[in-house]
Amino acid sequence: METINDIVAVINGILWGDGFKASMLPGLDGVDIATGPILIYMLVFCGLWFTFKLGGVQIRHFGHMFKVMKGSTTSSQDGISSFQALCTSLSARVGTGNLAGVAIAISVGGAGAIFWMWMIALIGMATGFAESVLGQLYKVRDENGEYRGGPAYYIKQGLNKTWLAVAFSLCLFLGYGFIFSAVQANTITDALQNAYAIPTLYSGIAIIVVAGLIVMGGLRGIARFAEMAVPFMGVGYILVALFVTFMNIDLVPQMLGHIFSSAFGLEAAGGGALGAAIKAGIQRGLYSNEAGSGSVPHAAASADPYPRHPVSQGYVQMLGVFFDTIILCTCTAFIILLAGMENAAEGQGGIGLTQDALSVHLGASGTDFISAAICLFAFTSVVANYAYGESNLHLFKLDSKAGRLVYTFGYLGMILWGSVAALPTVWAMADMALGLMSVINISAIIMMTPTIVSISKDYFAKQKSGEKIEYRDGDCPIQGKTEDNIW
């Protein structure tokens, strides 16, 4: 186990940290390679690349992103609605990172980190657009005739690299199928034990019962749950943040000025603080919105799109990045900064800072609200994670009743284990799985740039000419081929 921990630490050091250090593995001598966080560089490059190649689609078509949501509530026997797909992806994205992650960014990089979080969300919208277009284009039908897809499918069909598709799927099963649900369950049970002294085993059993009832309904059951839960928790959190903001409206101009001046190192703390603000903002923003990790294309692929064109799902999921980071993360930032808690952030755990900040505004009820929000945000992630893992069963020809049953029992067992376990090692393995997924997915979508650009131009041209926006096989050149009878 110690050797496994060492290997995981090395991989995470290369992907997320400061690079490979020979001293991390026993018996190795040599010079440490300080590469910097490679994955952060890849994600930033990917966002800038698609912003350039798609002509700043997230800015030029910002209004159209909302227009696409009109008529998005209609589903069919083949797939869920675009709105359900958006809510499913948000239920996985919106989690403790929106509450604790922002607090960590402020504690490490100060108020300026929020500006850089906004910037990475802006370019991440282009990445989310690109990967979601591919997810929708290369989707397949499972044995029930419902749509499934994701990076494994567009890697296999578009790039003809089956081995790479299998590698991605295995990382996704490890991460979203099992580990991530365990750590989210641990977050819930810890919060309930700390706030209300509920034993972790009891709350863990309650989680698997409720989650089991939802996921047994398949993707449609998960989508219906997400469609109800995500707007409720999102709107509730926004309303609380707006109430706090209006209570302190006289402090808002000063707070905004502080965010911008800190972002560019114009305050007394100087250059070191600038570097910390940039790194913290980018890292927490990427963690929060998941653009580039390859998770969101699974939700995008499951939709019956409106208009009936793969690019419409690019707009829908681009909206998800905007809502997750620029809306919800900003809500947390305002709650913390308007409470004057920035200096108190040092040395505090992320969620504790958010709880303390809301208590300043709302008293003891603020702590109760954050505890409830943590539980709901984390639980929606638990449920959505199941859908991402299940989407890859088709790739291994396991999308049968027996295959789903085995997967479901494994998923529920990991939730129960996560509810009562100490999880530092599992968190590290989760970071590794997410990191490897992201490396594979980013490499794939960059290799598939010609297809993304081609099909996007097809949509743009039809939109500009006023003709019906619809995609049919052969409308534009793409790499590889789509499954028969999909388009």
Protein backbone atom coordinates (compact mmCIF):
# COMPACT_ATOMS: atom_id res chain seq x y z
CA MET A 1 0.00 0.00 0.00
CA GLU A 2 2.87 2.33 0.74
CA THR A 3 4.30 1.73 -2.75
CA ILE A 4 0.90 2.46 -4.32
CA ASN A 5 0.67 5.70 -2.31
CA ASP A 6 4.15 6.69 -3.54
CA ILE A 7 3.22 6.03 -7.18
CA VAL A 8 -0.03 7.98 -6.84
CA ALA A 9 1.91 10.86 -5.25
CA VAL A 10 4.39 10.93 -8.13
CA ILE A 11 1.65 10.98 -10.78
CA ASN A 12 -0.28 13.71 -8.94
CA GLY A 13 2.93 15.69 -8.52
CA ILE A 14 3.43 15.70 -12.28
CA LEU A 15 -0.21 16.40 -13.14
CA TRP A 16 -1.32 18.83 -10.42
CA GLY A 17 1.77 19.83 -8.45
CA ASP A 18 5.30 21.03 -9.01
CA GLY A 19 6.54 18.13 -11.13
CA PHE A 20 8.39 14.87 -10.54
CA LYS A 21 10.66 14.69 -7.54
CA ALA A 22 13.01 11.69 -7.41
CA SER A 23 12.92 11.86 -3.63
CA MET A 24 9.24 10.91 -3.74
CA LEU A 25 10.19 7.32 -4.57
CA PRO A 26 12.54 5.38 -2.29
CA GLY A 27 15.82 4.27 -3.81
CA LEU A 28 15.89 6.88 -6.57
CA ASP A 29 18.60 9.49 -6.79
CA GLY A 30 18.85 12.36 -9.20
CA VAL A 31 17.76 15.89 -9.93
CA ASP A 32 14.12 16.72 -9.36
CA ILE A 33 12.24 17.83 -12.48
CA ALA A 34 10.21 20.94 -11.64
CA THR A 35 7.78 20.85 -14.55
CA GLY A 36 5.05 22.80 -12.85
CA PRO A 37 1.44 21.55 -12.82
CA ILE A 38 1.33 20.08 -16.35
CA LEU A 39 -2.42 19.57 -16.34
CA ILE A 40 -3.09 23.19 -15.42
CA TYR A 41 -0.96 24.27 -18.39
CA MET A 42 -2.81 21.84 -20.68
CA LEU A 43 -6.24 23.05 -19.59
CA VAL A 44 -5.32 26.71 -20.02
CA PHE A 45 -3.79 26.03 -23.45
CA CYS A 46 -6.88 24.04 -24.50
CA GLY A 47 -9.23 26.87 -23.50
CA LEU A 48 -7.17 29.45 -25.37
CA TRP A 49 -6.80 27.13 -28.39
CA PHE A 50 -10.54 26.65 -28.86
CA THR A 51 -11.30 30.28 -28.05
CA PHE A 52 -9.03 31.14 -31.01
CA LYS A 53 -10.14 28.33 -33.37
CA LEU A 54 -13.85 29.00 -32.79
CA GLY A 55 -13.52 32.77 -33.04
CA GLY A 56 -14.36 33.52 -29.42
CA VAL A 57 -17.67 31.65 -29.61
CA GLN A 58 -18.31 32.13 -25.88
CA ILE A 59 -18.23 35.92 -26.35
CA ARG A 60 -19.68 36.34 -29.88
CA HIS A 61 -22.57 33.98 -29.22
CA PHE A 62 -23.10 34.70 -25.54
CA GLY A 63 -26.75 35.68 -26.06
CA HIS A 64 -27.40 32.72 -28.37
CA MET A 65 -26.27 30.40 -25.56
CA PHE A 66 -29.43 31.41 -23.65
CA LYS A 67 -31.68 31.34 -26.74
CA VAL A 68 -30.82 27.69 -27.34
CA MET A 69 -32.44 26.87 -24.00
CA LYS A 70 -35.85 27.83 -25.46
CA GLY A 71 -37.62 24.61 -26.29
CA SER A 72 -34.95 22.67 -24.38
CA THR A 73 -37.41 20.92 -22.06
CA THR A 74 -38.67 18.48 -24.70
CA SER A 75 -37.33 14.93 -24.52
CA SER A 76 -38.01 11.84 -26.64
CA GLN A 77 -37.87 8.08 -26.31
CA ASP A 78 -34.28 8.28 -27.59
CA GLY A 79 -32.85 10.81 -25.17
CA ILE A 80 -33.40 13.20 -22.30
CA SER A 81 -34.13 16.88 -22.90
CA SER A 82 -31.37 19.47 -23.28
CA PHE A 83 -32.47 21.06 -20.01
CA GLN A 84 -32.24 17.70 -18.23
CA ALA A 85 -28.77 17.17 -19.74
CA LEU A 86 -27.71 20.60 -18.45
CA CYS A 87 -29.08 19.83 -14.97
CA THR A 88 -27.41 16.41 -14.95
CA SER A 89 -24.03 17.92 -15.79
CA LEU A 90 -24.54 20.69 -13.23
CA SER A 91 -25.52 18.19 -10.53
CA ALA A 92 -22.07 16.61 -10.96
CA ARG A 93 -20.22 19.92 -11.35
CA VAL A 94 -21.94 21.87 -8.60
CA GLY A 95 -20.56 20.46 -5.37
CA THR A 96 -18.37 21.22 -2.42
CA GLY A 97 -15.93 22.98 -4.75
CA ASN A 98 -18.40 25.85 -5.13
CA LEU A 99 -18.56 26.26 -1.35
CA ALA A 100 -15.15 25.11 -0.08
CA GLY A 101 -13.05 25.54 -3.24
CA VAL A 102 -13.68 29.27 -3.50
CA ALA A 103 -12.78 29.73 0.17
CA ILE A 104 -9.52 27.86 -0.41
CA ALA A 105 -8.74 30.06 -3.43
CA ILE A 106 -9.26 33.20 -1.32
CA SER A 107 -7.23 31.80 1.58
CA VAL A 108 -4.29 31.01 -0.74
CA GLY A 109 -4.45 33.80 -3.32
CA GLY A 110 -6.53 36.55 -1.70
CA ALA A 111 -9.47 38.34 -3.30
CA GLY A 112 -7.59 38.59 -6.62
CA ALA A 113 -7.98 34.84 -7.10
CA ILE A 114 -11.66 35.44 -7.88
CA PHE A 115 -10.80 37.51 -10.96
CA TRP A 116 -8.59 34.72 -12.32
CA MET A 117 -11.31 32.21 -11.55
CA TRP A 118 -13.60 34.27 -13.78
CA MET A 119 -10.98 34.36 -16.53
CA ILE A 120 -10.40 30.60 -16.52
CA ALA A 121 -14.17 30.04 -16.63
CA LEU A 122 -14.39 32.35 -19.66
CA ILE A 123 -11.84 30.37 -21.66
CA GLY A 124 -13.07 27.08 -20.17
CA MET A 125 -16.44 27.76 -21.80
CA ALA A 126 -14.77 27.19 -25.19
CA THR A 127 -13.34 23.86 -24.01
CA GLY A 128 -16.73 22.80 -22.66
CA PHE A 129 -18.28 23.75 -26.00
CA ALA A 130 -15.76 21.70 -27.99
CA GLU A 131 -15.95 18.49 -25.95
CA SER A 132 -19.76 18.60 -25.73
CA VAL A 133 -20.13 18.99 -29.50
CA LEU A 134 -18.05 15.83 -29.95
CA GLY A 135 -20.00 13.97 -27.27
CA GLN A 136 -23.27 14.71 -29.09
CA LEU A 137 -21.88 14.04 -32.60
CA TYR A 138 -20.43 10.60 -31.88
CA LYS A 139 -23.19 9.31 -29.58
CA VAL A 140 -24.55 5.77 -29.91
CA ARG A 141 -27.71 3.89 -28.93
CA ASP A 142 -27.58 1.38 -26.10
CA GLU A 143 -29.61 -1.83 -25.90
CA ASN A 144 -32.66 0.18 -24.74
CA GLY A 145 -32.42 2.50 -27.74
CA GLU A 146 -31.30 5.45 -25.58
CA TYR A 147 -28.40 7.74 -26.44
CA ARG A 148 -25.02 7.23 -24.79
CA GLY A 149 -21.65 8.83 -25.49
CA GLY A 150 -18.60 10.60 -24.14
CA PRO A 151 -14.85 10.81 -24.77
CA ALA A 152 -14.40 7.02 -25.09
CA TYR A 153 -16.88 7.03 -27.97
CA TYR A 154 -15.43 9.95 -29.90
CA ILE A 155 -11.91 8.65 -29.35
CA LYS A 156 -12.89 5.24 -30.71
CA GLN A 157 -15.06 6.43 -33.62
CA GLY A 158 -13.33 9.69 -34.51
CA LEU A 159 -9.67 8.81 -33.91
CA ASN A 160 -9.93 5.01 -34.27
CA LYS A 161 -7.86 4.56 -31.10
CA THR A 162 -9.67 1.83 -29.18
CA TRP A 163 -6.86 1.38 -26.67
CA LEU A 164 -7.03 5.05 -25.72
CA ALA A 165 -10.82 4.87 -25.42
CA VAL A 166 -10.51 1.90 -23.06
CA ALA A 167 -7.86 3.72 -20.99
CA PHE A 168 -10.19 6.72 -20.61
CA SER A 169 -13.13 4.51 -19.63
CA LEU A 170 -11.11 2.69 -16.98
CA CYS A 171 -10.04 6.02 -15.44
CA LEU A 172 -13.65 7.21 -15.54
CA PHE A 173 -14.93 4.02 -13.87
CA LEU A 174 -12.31 4.39 -11.15
CA GLY A 175 -13.04 8.08 -10.61
CA TYR A 176 -16.69 8.87 -11.31
CA GLY A 177 -18.02 5.34 -11.01
CA PHE A 178 -16.59 4.61 -7.57
CA ILE A 179 -14.10 6.92 -5.84
CA PHE A 180 -15.74 10.33 -6.32
CA SER A 181 -19.05 9.06 -4.92
CA ALA A 182 -17.22 7.70 -1.87
CA VAL A 183 -15.57 11.02 -1.08
CA GLN A 184 -18.78 13.00 -1.65
CA ALA A 185 -20.60 10.63 0.71
CA ASN A 186 -17.82 11.16 3.25
CA THR A 187 -18.36 14.93 2.99
CA ILE A 188 -22.08 14.51 3.71
CA THR A 189 -21.67 12.15 6.67
CA ASP A 190 -18.93 14.31 8.21
CA ALA A 191 -21.10 17.42 7.91
CA LEU A 192 -24.07 15.68 9.54
CA GLN A 193 -21.95 14.22 12.31
CA ASN A 194 -20.27 17.55 13.08
CA ALA A 195 -23.48 19.58 12.96
CA TYR A 196 -26.02 17.17 14.45
CA ALA A 197 -23.97 14.26 15.91
CA ILE A 198 -25.57 11.73 13.51
CA PRO A 199 -23.41 8.56 13.35
CA THR A 200 -21.72 8.24 9.97
CA LEU A 201 -22.94 4.67 9.44
CA TYR A 202 -26.59 5.69 9.82
CA SER A 203 -26.33 8.62 7.42
CA GLY A 204 -24.31 6.41 5.01
CA ILE A 205 -27.12 3.84 4.93
CA ALA A 206 -29.65 6.61 4.30
CA ILE A 207 -27.56 7.89 1.38
CA ILE A 208 -27.35 4.50 -0.34
CA VAL A 209 -31.08 3.89 0.10
CA VAL A 210 -32.06 7.23 -1.46
CA ALA A 211 -29.34 7.09 -4.13
CA GLY A 212 -30.27 3.50 -4.95
CA LEU A 213 -33.92 4.41 -5.49
CA ILE A 214 -32.93 7.22 -7.86
CA VAL A 215 -30.28 5.39 -9.93
CA MET A 216 -32.47 2.28 -10.31
CA GLY A 217 -34.58 4.50 -12.57
CA GLY A 218 -31.64 4.69 -14.97
CA LEU A 219 -30.52 7.82 -16.77
CA ARG A 220 -34.06 9.15 -17.04
CA GLY A 221 -34.58 8.78 -13.29
CA ILE A 222 -31.31 10.61 -12.63
CA ALA A 223 -32.23 13.32 -15.14
CA ARG A 224 -35.65 13.85 -13.54
CA PHE A 225 -34.03 14.14 -10.11
CA ALA A 226 -31.44 16.61 -11.45
CA GLU A 227 -34.16 18.63 -13.19
CA MET A 228 -35.88 19.17 -9.83
CA ALA A 229 -32.88 19.41 -7.47
CA VAL A 230 -30.43 21.60 -9.41
CA PRO A 231 -32.74 24.61 -10.02
CA PHE A 232 -33.95 24.38 -6.40
CA MET A 233 -30.47 24.36 -4.83
CA GLY A 234 -28.98 26.78 -7.37
CA VAL A 235 -31.72 29.39 -7.09
CA GLY A 236 -31.80 29.01 -3.28
CA TYR A 237 -28.08 29.65 -2.98
CA ILE A 238 -28.21 32.61 -5.38
CA LEU A 239 -31.08 34.19 -3.44
CA VAL A 240 -29.14 33.92 -0.17
CA ALA A 241 -26.08 35.48 -1.82
CA LEU A 242 -28.20 38.30 -3.29
CA PHE A 243 -29.74 38.97 0.13
CA VAL A 244 -26.26 39.19 1.67
CA THR A 245 -25.10 41.47 -1.16
CA PHE A 246 -28.05 43.88 -0.78
CA MET A 247 -27.55 43.92 3.00
CA ASN A 248 -24.01 45.17 2.35
CA ILE A 249 -24.60 47.12 -0.86
CA ASP A 250 -22.48 50.04 0.34
CA LEU A 251 -19.43 47.74 0.54
CA VAL A 252 -19.81 46.27 -2.96
CA PRO A 253 -17.87 48.95 -4.94
CA GLN A 254 -14.96 48.71 -2.51
CA MET A 255 -15.02 44.89 -2.70
CA LEU A 256 -15.01 44.87 -6.51
CA GLY A 257 -12.14 47.36 -6.56
CA HIS A 258 -10.23 45.13 -4.14
CA ILE A 259 -10.78 42.06 -6.35
CA PHE A 260 -9.42 43.80 -9.46
CA SER A 261 -6.48 45.53 -7.76
CA SER A 262 -5.46 42.32 -5.98
CA ALA A 263 -5.72 40.37 -9.22
CA PHE A 264 -2.96 42.48 -10.78
CA GLY A 265 -0.76 42.83 -7.69
CA LEU A 266 -1.51 46.55 -7.28
CA GLU A 267 -1.85 46.39 -3.52
CA ALA A 268 0.77 46.40 -0.80
CA ALA A 269 1.33 42.63 -0.81
CA GLY A 270 3.00 42.94 -4.23
CA GLY A 271 4.39 40.41 -6.69
CA GLY A 272 4.27 37.24 -4.59
CA ALA A 273 0.59 37.74 -3.98
CA LEU A 274 0.00 38.19 -7.73
CA GLY A 275 1.46 34.76 -8.50
CA ALA A 276 -0.54 33.16 -5.69
CA ALA A 277 -3.76 34.82 -6.88
CA ILE A 278 -3.30 33.63 -10.47
CA LYS A 279 -2.43 30.04 -9.53
CA ALA A 280 -5.17 29.68 -6.89
CA GLY A 281 -7.88 31.22 -9.09
CA ILE A 282 -7.02 29.11 -12.13
CA GLN A 283 -6.67 25.87 -10.19
CA ARG A 284 -9.90 26.17 -8.20
CA GLY A 285 -11.82 27.38 -11.26
CA LEU A 286 -10.70 24.37 -13.28
CA TYR A 287 -11.57 22.00 -10.45
CA SER A 288 -15.03 23.52 -10.14
CA ASN A 289 -16.30 23.66 -13.72
CA GLU A 290 -14.62 20.42 -14.96
CA ALA A 291 -14.21 21.83 -18.49
CA GLY A 292 -11.77 19.54 -20.29
CA SER A 293 -11.98 16.61 -17.89
CA GLY A 294 -14.27 14.65 -20.21
CA SER A 295 -17.13 14.25 -17.74
CA VAL A 296 -19.66 16.67 -19.24
CA PRO A 297 -19.77 15.08 -22.76
CA HIS A 298 -21.55 12.08 -21.20
CA ALA A 299 -24.50 14.29 -20.26
CA ALA A 300 -24.33 16.15 -23.59
CA ALA A 301 -24.44 12.87 -25.55
CA SER A 302 -27.55 11.66 -23.71
CA ALA A 303 -29.68 14.55 -24.92
CA ASP A 304 -32.14 14.73 -27.78
CA PRO A 305 -30.84 18.14 -28.91
CA TYR A 306 -32.77 21.25 -29.85
CA PRO A 307 -32.07 22.42 -32.52
CA ARG A 308 -31.24 18.94 -33.89
CA HIS A 309 -27.57 19.66 -34.39
CA PRO A 310 -24.56 18.56 -32.27
CA VAL A 311 -23.44 22.17 -31.80
CA SER A 312 -26.60 23.02 -29.86
CA GLN A 313 -25.30 20.86 -26.99
CA GLY A 314 -22.06 22.83 -27.11
CA TYR A 315 -24.03 25.96 -26.24
CA VAL A 316 -26.02 24.18 -23.52
CA GLN A 317 -22.95 22.85 -21.72
CA MET A 318 -21.07 26.11 -22.23
CA LEU A 319 -23.88 27.67 -20.20
CA GLY A 320 -23.13 25.08 -17.50
CA VAL A 321 -19.55 26.34 -17.12
CA PHE A 322 -20.84 29.91 -16.89
CA PHE A 323 -23.44 29.06 -14.25
CA ASP A 324 -21.12 26.89 -12.16
CA THR A 325 -18.13 29.21 -11.91
CA ILE A 326 -19.14 32.74 -12.82
CA ILE A 327 -22.49 32.60 -10.99
CA LEU A 328 -22.28 30.14 -8.09
CA CYS A 329 -18.59 30.55 -7.24
CA THR A 330 -19.07 34.32 -7.30
CA CYS A 331 -21.92 33.94 -4.79
CA THR A 332 -19.54 32.23 -2.34
CA ALA A 333 -16.83 34.83 -2.97
CA PHE A 334 -19.22 37.72 -2.22
CA ILE A 335 -20.45 36.03 0.98
CA ILE A 336 -16.85 35.66 2.24
CA LEU A 337 -15.48 39.04 1.14
CA LEU A 338 -18.49 41.07 2.31
CA ALA A 339 -18.12 39.46 5.75
CA GLY A 340 -14.56 40.83 5.90
CA MET A 341 -13.26 37.28 6.25
CA GLU A 342 -10.42 37.43 3.72
CA ASN A 343 -7.73 37.93 6.37
CA ALA A 344 -9.34 35.31 8.61
CA ALA A 345 -9.00 32.82 5.77
CA GLU A 346 -5.38 31.99 6.49
CA GLY A 347 -5.05 28.56 8.03
CA GLN A 348 -8.77 27.76 7.92
CA GLY A 349 -10.36 24.87 6.10
CA GLY A 350 -12.36 25.97 3.10
CA ILE A 351 -15.84 25.02 4.21
CA GLY A 352 -15.26 26.36 7.72
CA LEU A 353 -14.50 29.78 6.29
CA THR A 354 -17.70 29.77 4.22
CA GLN A 355 -19.75 28.72 7.25
CA ASP A 356 -18.19 31.42 9.44
CA ALA A 357 -18.73 34.07 6.77
CA LEU A 358 -22.42 33.28 6.35
CA SER A 359 -22.79 33.23 10.15
CA VAL A 360 -21.53 36.82 10.21
CA HIS A 361 -24.40 37.76 7.89
CA LEU A 362 -27.20 35.50 9.11
CA GLY A 363 -26.19 34.35 12.58
CA ALA A 364 -26.40 30.69 13.60
CA SER A 365 -28.83 29.95 10.77
CA GLY A 366 -25.98 30.64 8.33
CA THR A 367 -24.10 27.57 9.57
CA ASP A 368 -27.23 25.44 9.26
CA PHE A 369 -27.85 26.69 5.72
CA ILE A 370 -24.30 25.87 4.59
CA SER A 371 -24.50 22.42 6.21
CA ALA A 372 -27.73 21.74 4.29
CA ALA A 373 -26.23 23.13 1.08
CA ILE A 374 -23.16 20.90 1.42
CA CYS A 375 -25.33 17.82 1.82
CA LEU A 376 -27.55 18.65 -1.16
CA PHE A 377 -24.71 19.76 -3.45
CA ALA A 378 -22.66 16.65 -2.61
CA PHE A 379 -25.63 14.27 -2.94
CA THR A 380 -26.51 15.50 -6.43
CA SER A 381 -22.88 14.81 -7.39
CA VAL A 382 -23.16 11.28 -5.98
CA VAL A 383 -26.18 10.57 -8.20
CA ALA A 384 -24.78 12.18 -11.36
CA ASN A 385 -21.48 10.29 -10.98
CA TYR A 386 -23.44 7.05 -11.42
CA ALA A 387 -24.75 8.26 -14.79
CA TYR A 388 -21.25 9.02 -16.09
CA GLY A 389 -19.98 5.55 -15.19
CA GLU A 390 -23.09 3.85 -16.58
CA SER A 391 -22.65 5.63 -19.93
CA ASN A 392 -19.44 3.67 -20.50
CA LEU A 393 -20.97 0.23 -19.93
CA HIS A 394 -22.01 0.15 -23.61
CA LEU A 395 -18.36 0.42 -24.68
CA PHE A 396 -17.60 -2.88 -22.92
CA LYS A 397 -20.91 -4.46 -24.04
CA LEU A 398 -22.07 -4.50 -20.41
CA ASP A 399 -25.21 -2.38 -20.84
CA SER A 400 -27.39 -5.34 -19.90
CA LYS A 401 -29.44 -5.89 -16.76
CA ALA A 402 -26.69 -8.07 -15.28
CA GLY A 403 -23.96 -5.56 -16.14
CA ARG A 404 -25.90 -2.64 -14.65
CA LEU A 405 -26.70 -4.65 -11.53
CA VAL A 406 -23.03 -5.46 -10.84
CA TYR A 407 -22.04 -1.85 -11.48
CA THR A 408 -24.84 -0.55 -9.23
CA PHE A 409 -23.89 -2.80 -6.30
CA GLY A 410 -20.24 -1.77 -6.61
CA TYR A 411 -21.23 1.91 -6.74
CA LEU A 412 -23.52 1.65 -3.67
CA GLY A 413 -20.90 -0.35 -1.76
CA MET A 414 -18.31 2.37 -2.35
CA ILE A 415 -20.76 4.99 -1.05
CA LEU A 416 -21.27 3.03 2.17
CA TRP A 417 -17.53 2.49 2.59
CA GLY A 418 -16.82 6.17 1.88
CA SER A 419 -19.36 7.20 4.49
CA VAL A 420 -17.35 5.69 7.35
CA ALA A 421 -13.75 5.68 6.01
CA ALA A 422 -10.81 8.02 6.45
CA LEU A 423 -10.12 9.15 2.91
CA PRO A 424 -6.80 10.97 2.38
CA THR A 425 -5.43 8.17 0.16
CA VAL A 426 -8.71 7.86 -1.73
CA TRP A 427 -8.75 11.62 -2.40
CA ALA A 428 -5.26 11.28 -3.88
CA MET A 429 -6.43 8.42 -6.11
CA ALA A 430 -9.46 10.48 -7.16
CA ASP A 431 -7.16 13.35 -8.17
CA MET A 432 -5.05 10.89 -10.17
CA ALA A 433 -8.07 9.42 -11.98
CA LEU A 434 -9.44 12.88 -12.83
CA GLY A 435 -6.02 14.06 -13.95
CA LEU A 436 -5.43 11.10 -16.26
CA MET A 437 -8.95 11.46 -17.69
CA SER A 438 -8.24 15.11 -18.43
CA VAL A 439 -4.89 14.43 -20.11
CA ILE A 440 -6.48 11.84 -22.42
CA ASN A 441 -9.53 13.97 -23.19
CA ILE A 442 -7.60 17.18 -23.85
CA SER A 443 -5.22 15.34 -26.19
CA ALA A 444 -8.19 13.82 -28.03
CA ILE A 445 -10.22 16.99 -28.52
CA ILE A 446 -7.17 18.92 -29.73
CA MET A 447 -6.50 16.13 -32.26
CA MET A 448 -10.15 16.44 -33.32
CA THR A 449 -10.01 20.20 -33.84
CA PRO A 450 -10.76 19.86 -37.60
CA THR A 451 -14.08 18.14 -36.82
CA ILE A 452 -15.03 20.64 -34.10
CA VAL A 453 -14.30 23.59 -36.38
CA SER A 454 -16.03 22.00 -39.38
CA ILE A 455 -19.29 21.15 -37.64
CA SER A 456 -19.34 24.48 -35.79
CA LYS A 457 -19.01 26.37 -39.08
CA ASP A 458 -21.89 24.28 -40.45
CA TYR A 459 -24.09 25.45 -37.55
CA PHE A 460 -22.91 29.08 -37.80
CA ALA A 461 -23.59 29.17 -41.56
CA LYS A 462 -27.11 27.74 -41.20
CA GLN A 463 -27.87 30.13 -38.37
CA LYS A 464 -26.63 33.13 -40.40
CA SER A 465 -28.54 32.17 -43.56
CA GLY A 466 -31.78 31.65 -41.67
CA GLU A 467 -32.26 28.09 -42.91
CA LYS A 468 -33.42 25.33 -40.58
CA ILE A 469 -30.61 24.36 -38.20
CA GLU A 470 -30.33 20.60 -38.53
CA TYR A 471 -27.43 18.20 -39.04
CA ARG A 472 -27.38 15.22 -41.37
CA ASP A 473 -24.54 12.81 -42.10
CA GLY A 474 -22.35 14.29 -44.82
CA ASP A 475 -23.29 17.94 -44.22
CA CYS A 476 -19.65 18.68 -43.43
CA PRO A 477 -16.37 16.69 -43.27
CA ILE A 478 -15.66 14.95 -39.96
CA GLN A 479 -12.99 12.57 -38.73
CA GLY A 480 -13.90 8.87 -38.59
CA LYS A 481 -17.61 8.08 -38.72
CA THR A 482 -20.69 8.34 -36.56
CA GLU A 483 -22.83 5.34 -35.67
CA ASP A 484 -25.36 4.35 -38.33
CA ASN A 485 -28.85 5.85 -38.13
CA ILE A 486 -27.94 8.47 -35.53
CA TRP A 487 -27.78 11.49 -37.85
